[in-house]
PDB file of all heavy atoms in Angstrom:
ATOM      1  N   ALA A   1     -30.980 -17.498  20.934  1.00  0.00           N
ATOM      2  CA  ALA A   1     -30.072 -18.157  19.938  1.00  0.00           C
ATOM      3  C   ALA A   1     -29.743 -17.128  18.885  1.00  0.00           C
ATOM      4  O   ALA A   1     -30.556 -16.418  18.432  1.00  0.00           O
ATOM      5  CB  ALA A   1     -30.730 -19.431  19.376  1.00  0.00           C
ATOM      6  N   PRO A   2     -28.468 -17.140  18.370  1.00  0.00           N
ATOM      7  CA  PRO A   2     -28.096 -16.248  17.372  1.00  0.00           C
ATOM      8  C   PRO A   2     -28.755 -16.590  16.057  1.00  0.00           C
ATOM      9  O   PRO A   2     -28.947 -17.729  15.710  1.00  0.00           O
ATOM     10  CB  PRO A   2     -26.573 -16.436  17.253  1.00  0.00           C
ATOM     11  CG  PRO A   2     -26.324 -17.833  17.779  1.00  0.00           C
ATOM     12  CD  PRO A   2     -27.291 -17.982  18.855  1.00  0.00           C
ATOM     13  N   PRO A   3     -29.231 -15.590  15.254  1.00  0.00           N
ATOM     14  CA  PRO A   3     -29.894 -15.874  13.954  1.00  0.00           C
ATOM     15  C   PRO A   3     -28.909 -16.589  12.968  1.00  0.00           C
ATOM     16  O   PRO A   3     -27.715 -16.231  12.979  1.00  0.00           O
ATOM     17  CB  PRO A   3     -30.284 -14.502  13.474  1.00  0.00           C
ATOM     18  CG  PRO A   3     -29.304 -13.551  14.174  1.00  0.00           C
ATOM     19  CD  PRO A   3     -29.024 -14.146  15.392  1.00  0.00           C
ATOM     20  N   THR A   4     -29.446 -17.549  12.253  1.00  0.00           N
ATOM     21  CA  THR A   4     -28.582 -18.224  11.184  1.00  0.00           C
ATOM     22  C   THR A   4     -28.584 -17.401   9.898  1.00  0.00           C
ATOM     23  O   THR A   4     -29.634 -16.835   9.517  1.00  0.00           O
ATOM     24  CB  THR A   4     -29.218 -19.588  10.946  1.00  0.00           C
ATOM     25  OG1 THR A   4     -30.544 -19.475  10.562  1.00  0.00           O
ATOM     26  CG2 THR A   4     -29.140 -20.430  12.130  1.00  0.00           C
ATOM     27  N   ALA A   5     -27.395 -17.263   9.331  1.00  0.00           N
ATOM     28  CA  ALA A   5     -27.289 -16.456   8.073  1.00  0.00           C
ATOM     29  C   ALA A   5     -27.890 -17.230   6.928  1.00  0.00           C
ATOM     30  O   ALA A   5     -27.715 -18.508   6.833  1.00  0.00           O
ATOM     31  CB  ALA A   5     -25.844 -16.229   7.823  1.00  0.00           C
ATOM     32  N   ALA A   6     -28.626 -16.538   6.068  1.00  0.00           N
ATOM     33  CA  ALA A   6     -29.214 -17.193   4.913  1.00  0.00           C
ATOM     34  C   ALA A   6     -28.005 -17.589   3.900  1.00  0.00           C
ATOM     35  O   ALA A   6     -27.053 -16.852   3.760  1.00  0.00           O
ATOM     36  CB  ALA A   6     -30.191 -16.244   4.218  1.00  0.00           C
ATOM     37  N   PRO A   7     -28.233 -18.784   3.282  1.00  0.00           N
ATOM     38  CA  PRO A   7     -27.147 -19.207   2.337  1.00  0.00           C
ATOM     39  C   PRO A   7     -27.031 -18.205   1.176  1.00  0.00           C
ATOM     40  O   PRO A   7     -28.086 -17.579   0.779  1.00  0.00           O
ATOM     41  CB  PRO A   7     -27.585 -20.559   1.868  1.00  0.00           C
ATOM     42  CG  PRO A   7     -29.094 -20.487   2.094  1.00  0.00           C
ATOM     43  CD  PRO A   7     -29.320 -19.706   3.374  1.00  0.00           C
ATOM     44  N   PRO A   8     -25.897 -17.958   0.660  1.00  0.00           N
ATOM     45  CA  PRO A   8     -25.728 -16.976  -0.461  1.00  0.00           C
ATOM     46  C   PRO A   8     -26.532 -17.415  -1.733  1.00  0.00           C
ATOM     47  O   PRO A   8     -26.551 -18.598  -2.026  1.00  0.00           O
ATOM     48  CB  PRO A   8     -24.230 -16.957  -0.751  1.00  0.00           C
ATOM     49  CG  PRO A   8     -23.749 -18.249  -0.227  1.00  0.00           C
ATOM     50  CD  PRO A   8     -24.592 -18.562   0.962  1.00  0.00           C
ATOM     51  N   THR A   9     -27.131 -16.517  -2.362  1.00  0.00           N
ATOM     52  CA  THR A   9     -27.927 -16.818  -3.560  1.00  0.00           C
ATOM     53  C   THR A   9     -26.930 -16.959  -4.778  1.00  0.00           C
ATOM     54  O   THR A   9     -26.223 -16.052  -5.062  1.00  0.00           O
ATOM     55  CB  THR A   9     -28.916 -15.693  -3.795  1.00  0.00           C
ATOM     56  OG1 THR A   9     -29.737 -15.584  -2.722  1.00  0.00           O
ATOM     57  CG2 THR A   9     -29.813 -16.087  -5.048  1.00  0.00           C
ATOM     58  N   PRO A  10     -27.019 -18.061  -5.439  1.00  0.00           N
ATOM     59  CA  PRO A  10     -26.121 -18.260  -6.660  1.00  0.00           C
ATOM     60  C   PRO A  10     -26.475 -17.294  -7.771  1.00  0.00           C
ATOM     61  O   PRO A  10     -27.710 -16.895  -7.842  1.00  0.00           O
ATOM     62  CB  PRO A  10     -26.321 -19.703  -7.018  1.00  0.00           C
ATOM     63  CG  PRO A  10     -27.619 -20.045  -6.470  1.00  0.00           C
ATOM     64  CD  PRO A  10     -27.790 -19.265  -5.229  1.00  0.00           C
ATOM     65  N   PRO A  11     -25.592 -16.818  -8.597  1.00  0.00           N
ATOM     66  CA  PRO A  11     -26.041 -15.885  -9.658  1.00  0.00           C
ATOM     67  C   PRO A  11     -26.917 -16.561 -10.635  1.00  0.00           C
ATOM     68  O   PRO A  11     -26.897 -17.789 -10.782  1.00  0.00           O
ATOM     69  CB  PRO A  11     -24.605 -15.568 -10.249  1.00  0.00           C
ATOM     70  CG  PRO A  11     -23.724 -16.633  -9.903  1.00  0.00           C
ATOM     71  CD  PRO A  11     -24.137 -17.162  -8.558  1.00  0.00           C
ATOM     72  N   THR A  12     -27.658 -15.761 -11.307  1.00  0.00           N
ATOM     73  CA  THR A  12     -28.566 -16.288 -12.329  1.00  0.00           C
ATOM     74  C   THR A  12     -27.768 -16.704 -13.575  1.00  0.00           C
ATOM     75  O   THR A  12     -26.565 -16.465 -13.630  1.00  0.00           O
ATOM     76  CB  THR A  12     -29.605 -15.223 -12.748  1.00  0.00           C
ATOM     77  OG1 THR A  12     -28.835 -14.063 -13.255  1.00  0.00           O
ATOM     78  CG2 THR A  12     -30.485 -14.866 -11.595  1.00  0.00           C
ATOM     79  N   ARG A  13     -28.419 -17.340 -14.543  1.00  0.00           N
ATOM     80  CA  ARG A  13     -27.803 -17.752 -15.815  1.00  0.00           C
ATOM     81  C   ARG A  13     -27.129 -16.545 -16.474  1.00  0.00           C
ATOM     82  O   ARG A  13     -27.901 -15.528 -16.650  1.00  0.00           O
ATOM     83  CB  ARG A  13     -28.817 -18.427 -16.644  1.00  0.00           C
ATOM     84  CG  ARG A  13     -28.300 -19.091 -17.929  1.00  0.00           C
ATOM     85  CD  ARG A  13     -29.401 -19.604 -18.729  1.00  0.00           C
ATOM     86  NE  ARG A  13     -28.921 -20.349 -19.882  1.00  0.00           N
ATOM     87  CZ  ARG A  13     -28.694 -21.676 -19.934  1.00  0.00           C
ATOM     88  NH1 ARG A  13     -28.983 -22.413 -18.909  1.00  0.00           N
ATOM     89  NH2 ARG A  13     -28.338 -22.216 -21.111  1.00  0.00           N
ATOM     90  N   PRO A  14     -25.919 -16.571 -16.920  1.00  0.00           N
ATOM     91  CA  PRO A  14     -25.349 -15.362 -17.470  1.00  0.00           C
ATOM     92  C   PRO A  14     -25.949 -14.928 -18.785  1.00  0.00           C
ATOM     93  O   PRO A  14     -26.454 -15.780 -19.631  1.00  0.00           O
ATOM     94  CB  PRO A  14     -23.851 -15.782 -17.646  1.00  0.00           C
ATOM     95  CG  PRO A  14     -23.896 -17.195 -17.702  1.00  0.00           C
ATOM     96  CD  PRO A  14     -24.981 -17.721 -16.885  1.00  0.00           C
ATOM     97  N   GLU A  15     -25.978 -13.641 -19.049  1.00  0.00           N
ATOM     98  CA  GLU A  15     -26.474 -13.154 -20.314  1.00  0.00           C
ATOM     99  C   GLU A  15     -25.590 -13.564 -21.466  1.00  0.00           C
ATOM    100  O   GLU A  15     -24.386 -13.510 -21.304  1.00  0.00           O
ATOM    101  CB  GLU A  15     -26.685 -11.656 -20.199  1.00  0.00           C
ATOM    102  CG  GLU A  15     -27.293 -10.962 -21.440  1.00  0.00           C
ATOM    103  CD  GLU A  15     -27.407  -9.446 -21.385  1.00  0.00           C
ATOM    104  OE1 GLU A  15     -27.231  -8.945 -20.259  1.00  0.00           O
ATOM    105  OE2 GLU A  15     -27.661  -8.872 -22.343  1.00  0.00           O
ATOM    106  N   ARG A  16     -26.150 -13.830 -22.630  1.00  0.00           N
ATOM    107  CA  ARG A  16     -25.355 -14.153 -23.830  1.00  0.00           C
ATOM    108  C   ARG A  16     -24.798 -12.907 -24.450  1.00  0.00           C
ATOM    109  O   ARG A  16     -25.594 -11.987 -24.791  1.00  0.00           O
ATOM    110  CB  ARG A  16     -26.197 -15.018 -24.773  1.00  0.00           C
ATOM    111  CG  ARG A  16     -25.427 -15.715 -25.861  1.00  0.00           C
ATOM    112  CD  ARG A  16     -26.419 -16.397 -26.827  1.00  0.00           C
ATOM    113  NE  ARG A  16     -25.714 -17.404 -27.615  1.00  0.00           N
ATOM    114  CZ  ARG A  16     -26.292 -17.875 -28.741  1.00  0.00           C
ATOM    115  NH1 ARG A  16     -27.449 -17.422 -29.081  1.00  0.00           N
ATOM    116  NH2 ARG A  16     -25.599 -18.728 -29.535  1.00  0.00           N
ATOM    117  N   GLY A  17     -23.413 -12.878 -24.686  1.00  0.00           N
ATOM    118  CA  GLY A  17     -22.873 -11.725 -25.317  1.00  0.00           C
ATOM    119  C   GLY A  17     -22.339 -11.961 -26.623  1.00  0.00           C
ATOM    120  O   GLY A  17     -22.064 -13.161 -27.052  1.00  0.00           O
ATOM    121  N   ASN A  18     -22.184 -10.966 -27.516  1.00  0.00           N
ATOM    122  CA  ASN A  18     -21.553 -11.062 -28.816  1.00  0.00           C
ATOM    123  C   ASN A  18     -20.209 -10.426 -28.754  1.00  0.00           C
ATOM    124  O   ASN A  18     -20.024  -9.246 -28.498  1.00  0.00           O
ATOM    125  CB  ASN A  18     -22.475 -10.426 -29.886  1.00  0.00           C
ATOM    126  CG  ASN A  18     -23.808 -11.112 -30.009  1.00  0.00           C
ATOM    127  OD1 ASN A  18     -23.921 -12.181 -30.587  1.00  0.00           O
ATOM    128  ND2 ASN A  18     -24.844 -10.462 -29.631  1.00  0.00           N
ATOM    129  N   TYR A  19     -19.181 -11.210 -29.135  1.00  0.00           N
ATOM    130  CA  TYR A  19     -17.803 -10.718 -29.080  1.00  0.00           C
ATOM    131  C   TYR A  19     -17.145 -10.999 -30.477  1.00  0.00           C
ATOM    132  O   TYR A  19     -17.422 -12.039 -31.159  1.00  0.00           O
ATOM    133  CB  TYR A  19     -17.018 -11.392 -27.947  1.00  0.00           C
ATOM    134  CG  TYR A  19     -17.674 -11.348 -26.632  1.00  0.00           C
ATOM    135  CD1 TYR A  19     -18.359 -12.496 -26.140  1.00  0.00           C
ATOM    136  CD2 TYR A  19     -17.868 -10.147 -25.922  1.00  0.00           C
ATOM    137  CE1 TYR A  19     -19.024 -12.435 -24.940  1.00  0.00           C
ATOM    138  CE2 TYR A  19     -18.572 -10.149 -24.673  1.00  0.00           C
ATOM    139  CZ  TYR A  19     -19.105 -11.265 -24.197  1.00  0.00           C
ATOM    140  OH  TYR A  19     -19.772 -11.272 -23.007  1.00  0.00           O
ATOM    141  N   SER A  20     -16.230 -10.086 -30.785  1.00  0.00           N
ATOM    142  CA  SER A  20     -15.555 -10.274 -32.134  1.00  0.00           C
ATOM    143  C   SER A  20     -14.142  -9.711 -32.043  1.00  0.00           C
ATOM    144  O   SER A  20     -13.782  -8.825 -31.177  1.00  0.00           O
ATOM    145  CB  SER A  20     -16.298  -9.661 -33.244  1.00  0.00           C
ATOM    146  OG  SER A  20     -16.416  -8.280 -32.997  1.00  0.00           O
ATOM    147  N   VAL A  21     -13.294 -10.121 -32.948  1.00  0.00           N
ATOM    148  CA  VAL A  21     -11.936  -9.626 -33.096  1.00  0.00           C
ATOM    149  C   VAL A  21     -11.762  -9.259 -34.552  1.00  0.00           C
ATOM    150  O   VAL A  21     -12.149 -10.054 -35.447  1.00  0.00           O
ATOM    151  CB  VAL A  21     -10.917 -10.710 -32.652  1.00  0.00           C
ATOM    152  CG1 VAL A  21      -9.404 -10.144 -32.899  1.00  0.00           C
ATOM    153  CG2 VAL A  21     -11.034 -10.970 -31.202  1.00  0.00           C
ATOM    154  N   THR A  22     -11.120  -8.115 -34.829  1.00  0.00           N
ATOM    155  CA  THR A  22     -10.813  -7.736 -36.162  1.00  0.00           C
ATOM    156  C   THR A  22      -9.350  -7.723 -36.415  1.00  0.00           C
ATOM    157  O   THR A  22      -8.510  -7.445 -35.436  1.00  0.00           O
ATOM    158  CB  THR A  22     -11.423  -6.349 -36.490  1.00  0.00           C
ATOM    159  OG1 THR A  22     -10.900  -5.415 -35.524  1.00  0.00           O
ATOM    160  CG2 THR A  22     -12.977  -6.346 -36.477  1.00  0.00           C
ATOM    161  N   ASN A  23      -8.860  -7.996 -37.627  1.00  0.00           N
ATOM    162  CA  ASN A  23      -7.451  -8.043 -37.925  1.00  0.00           C
ATOM    163  C   ASN A  23      -7.008  -6.637 -38.404  1.00  0.00           C
ATOM    164  O   ASN A  23      -7.726  -5.605 -38.406  1.00  0.00           O
ATOM    165  CB  ASN A  23      -7.057  -9.206 -38.892  1.00  0.00           C
ATOM    166  CG  ASN A  23      -7.885  -8.954 -40.259  1.00  0.00           C
ATOM    167  OD1 ASN A  23      -8.326  -7.842 -40.550  1.00  0.00           O
ATOM    168  ND2 ASN A  23      -7.991 -10.086 -40.932  1.00  0.00           N
ATOM    169  N   GLY A  24      -5.833  -6.530 -38.850  1.00  0.00           N
ATOM    170  CA  GLY A  24      -5.238  -5.240 -39.223  1.00  0.00           C
ATOM    171  C   GLY A  24      -5.998  -4.542 -40.370  1.00  0.00           C
ATOM    172  O   GLY A  24      -6.043  -3.269 -40.367  1.00  0.00           O
ATOM    173  N   ASN A  25      -6.574  -5.266 -41.285  1.00  0.00           N
ATOM    174  CA  ASN A  25      -7.272  -4.618 -42.437  1.00  0.00           C
ATOM    175  C   ASN A  25      -8.811  -4.328 -42.064  1.00  0.00           C
ATOM    176  O   ASN A  25      -9.549  -3.966 -43.026  1.00  0.00           O
ATOM    177  CB  ASN A  25      -7.146  -5.366 -43.701  1.00  0.00           C
ATOM    178  CG  ASN A  25      -7.706  -6.784 -43.564  1.00  0.00           C
ATOM    179  OD1 ASN A  25      -8.401  -7.143 -42.566  1.00  0.00           O
ATOM    180  ND2 ASN A  25      -7.358  -7.604 -44.573  1.00  0.00           N
ATOM    181  N   GLY A  26      -9.180  -4.548 -40.845  1.00  0.00           N
ATOM    182  CA  GLY A  26     -10.546  -4.270 -40.425  1.00  0.00           C
ATOM    183  C   GLY A  26     -11.513  -5.289 -40.646  1.00  0.00           C
ATOM    184  O   GLY A  26     -12.714  -5.108 -40.304  1.00  0.00           O
ATOM    185  N   THR A  27     -11.145  -6.506 -41.134  1.00  0.00           N
ATOM    186  CA  THR A  27     -12.066  -7.650 -41.358  1.00  0.00           C
ATOM    187  C   THR A  27     -12.136  -8.462 -40.045  1.00  0.00           C
ATOM    188  O   THR A  27     -11.246  -8.613 -39.310  1.00  0.00           O
ATOM    189  CB  THR A  27     -11.670  -8.507 -42.538  1.00  0.00           C
ATOM    190  OG1 THR A  27     -10.477  -9.022 -42.269  1.00  0.00           O
ATOM    191  CG2 THR A  27     -11.726  -7.648 -43.823  1.00  0.00           C
ATOM    192  N   THR A  28     -13.301  -9.016 -39.817  1.00  0.00           N
ATOM    193  CA  THR A  28     -13.579  -9.827 -38.669  1.00  0.00           C
ATOM    194  C   THR A  28     -12.846 -11.183 -38.789  1.00  0.00           C
ATOM    195  O   THR A  28     -13.071 -11.877 -39.805  1.00  0.00           O
ATOM    196  CB  THR A  28     -15.092 -10.115 -38.385  1.00  0.00           C
ATOM    197  OG1 THR A  28     -15.696  -8.836 -38.270  1.00  0.00           O
ATOM    198  CG2 THR A  28     -15.278 -10.878 -37.079  1.00  0.00           C
ATOM    199  N   CYS A  29     -12.049 -11.541 -37.791  1.00  0.00           N
ATOM    200  CA  CYS A  29     -11.325 -12.815 -37.874  1.00  0.00           C
ATOM    201  C   CYS A  29     -11.666 -13.822 -36.844  1.00  0.00           C
ATOM    202  O   CYS A  29     -11.268 -14.992 -36.918  1.00  0.00           O
ATOM    203  CB  CYS A  29      -9.800 -12.599 -37.890  1.00  0.00           C
ATOM    204  SG  CYS A  29      -9.194 -11.702 -36.324  1.00  0.00           S
ATOM    205  N   LEU A  30     -12.515 -13.313 -35.825  1.00  0.00           N
ATOM    206  CA  LEU A  30     -12.962 -14.284 -34.748  1.00  0.00           C
ATOM    207  C   LEU A  30     -14.320 -13.722 -34.360  1.00  0.00           C
ATOM    208  O   LEU A  30     -14.476 -12.486 -34.114  1.00  0.00           O
ATOM    209  CB  LEU A  30     -12.000 -14.314 -33.641  1.00  0.00           C
ATOM    210  CG  LEU A  30     -12.314 -15.251 -32.418  1.00  0.00           C
ATOM    211  CD1 LEU A  30     -11.110 -15.764 -31.745  1.00  0.00           C
ATOM    212  CD2 LEU A  30     -13.247 -14.574 -31.403  1.00  0.00           C
ATOM    213  N   MET A  31     -15.241 -14.667 -34.188  1.00  0.00           N
ATOM    214  CA  MET A  31     -16.496 -14.290 -33.571  1.00  0.00           C
ATOM    215  C   MET A  31     -16.936 -15.269 -32.483  1.00  0.00           C
ATOM    216  O   MET A  31     -16.639 -16.492 -32.730  1.00  0.00           O
ATOM    217  CB  MET A  31     -17.675 -14.334 -34.710  1.00  0.00           C
ATOM    218  CG  MET A  31     -17.559 -13.158 -35.688  1.00  0.00           C
ATOM    219  SD  MET A  31     -18.839 -13.373 -37.004  1.00  0.00           S
ATOM    220  CE  MET A  31     -20.385 -13.389 -36.044  1.00  0.00           C
ATOM    221  N   ALA A  32     -17.605 -14.787 -31.512  1.00  0.00           N
ATOM    222  CA  ALA A  32     -18.112 -15.589 -30.432  1.00  0.00           C
ATOM    223  C   ALA A  32     -19.355 -15.094 -29.867  1.00  0.00           C
ATOM    224  O   ALA A  32     -19.559 -13.864 -29.751  1.00  0.00           O
ATOM    225  CB  ALA A  32     -17.098 -15.673 -29.271  1.00  0.00           C
ATOM    226  N   ARG A  33     -20.361 -16.032 -29.580  1.00  0.00           N
ATOM    227  CA  ARG A  33     -21.614 -15.645 -28.994  1.00  0.00           C
ATOM    228  C   ARG A  33     -21.823 -16.663 -27.899  1.00  0.00           C
ATOM    229  O   ARG A  33     -21.949 -17.813 -28.067  1.00  0.00           O
ATOM    230  CB  ARG A  33     -22.730 -15.706 -30.055  1.00  0.00           C
ATOM    231  CG  ARG A  33     -24.085 -15.247 -29.579  1.00  0.00           C
ATOM    232  CD  ARG A  33     -25.081 -15.284 -30.689  1.00  0.00           C
ATOM    233  NE  ARG A  33     -24.712 -14.409 -31.763  1.00  0.00           N
ATOM    234  CZ  ARG A  33     -24.963 -14.627 -33.077  1.00  0.00           C
ATOM    235  NH1 ARG A  33     -25.561 -15.809 -33.381  1.00  0.00           N
ATOM    236  NH2 ARG A  33     -24.624 -13.802 -34.006  1.00  0.00           N
ATOM    237  N   MET A  34     -21.878 -16.062 -26.626  1.00  0.00           N
ATOM    238  CA  MET A  34     -21.912 -17.000 -25.550  1.00  0.00           C
ATOM    239  C   MET A  34     -22.174 -16.328 -24.178  1.00  0.00           C
ATOM    240  O   MET A  34     -21.995 -15.081 -24.094  1.00  0.00           O
ATOM    241  CB  MET A  34     -20.543 -17.695 -25.367  1.00  0.00           C
ATOM    242  CG  MET A  34     -19.372 -16.857 -25.256  1.00  0.00           C
ATOM    243  SD  MET A  34     -17.788 -17.626 -25.404  1.00  0.00           S
ATOM    244  CE  MET A  34     -16.690 -16.221 -25.575  1.00  0.00           C
ATOM    245  N   GLY A  35     -22.640 -17.033 -23.191  1.00  0.00           N
ATOM    246  CA  GLY A  35     -22.739 -16.529 -21.836  1.00  0.00           C
ATOM    247  C   GLY A  35     -21.587 -17.173 -21.002  1.00  0.00           C
ATOM    248  O   GLY A  35     -21.331 -18.431 -21.266  1.00  0.00           O
TER     249      GLY A  35
END
């Protein structure tokens, strides 16, 4: 009998990242922390 393929392993919980956006004068105008 042909071997059965193992089901794909779902990815783990995503790592939490820190993201930001700065405006024209260099000050932060948006912040996000999330996976």
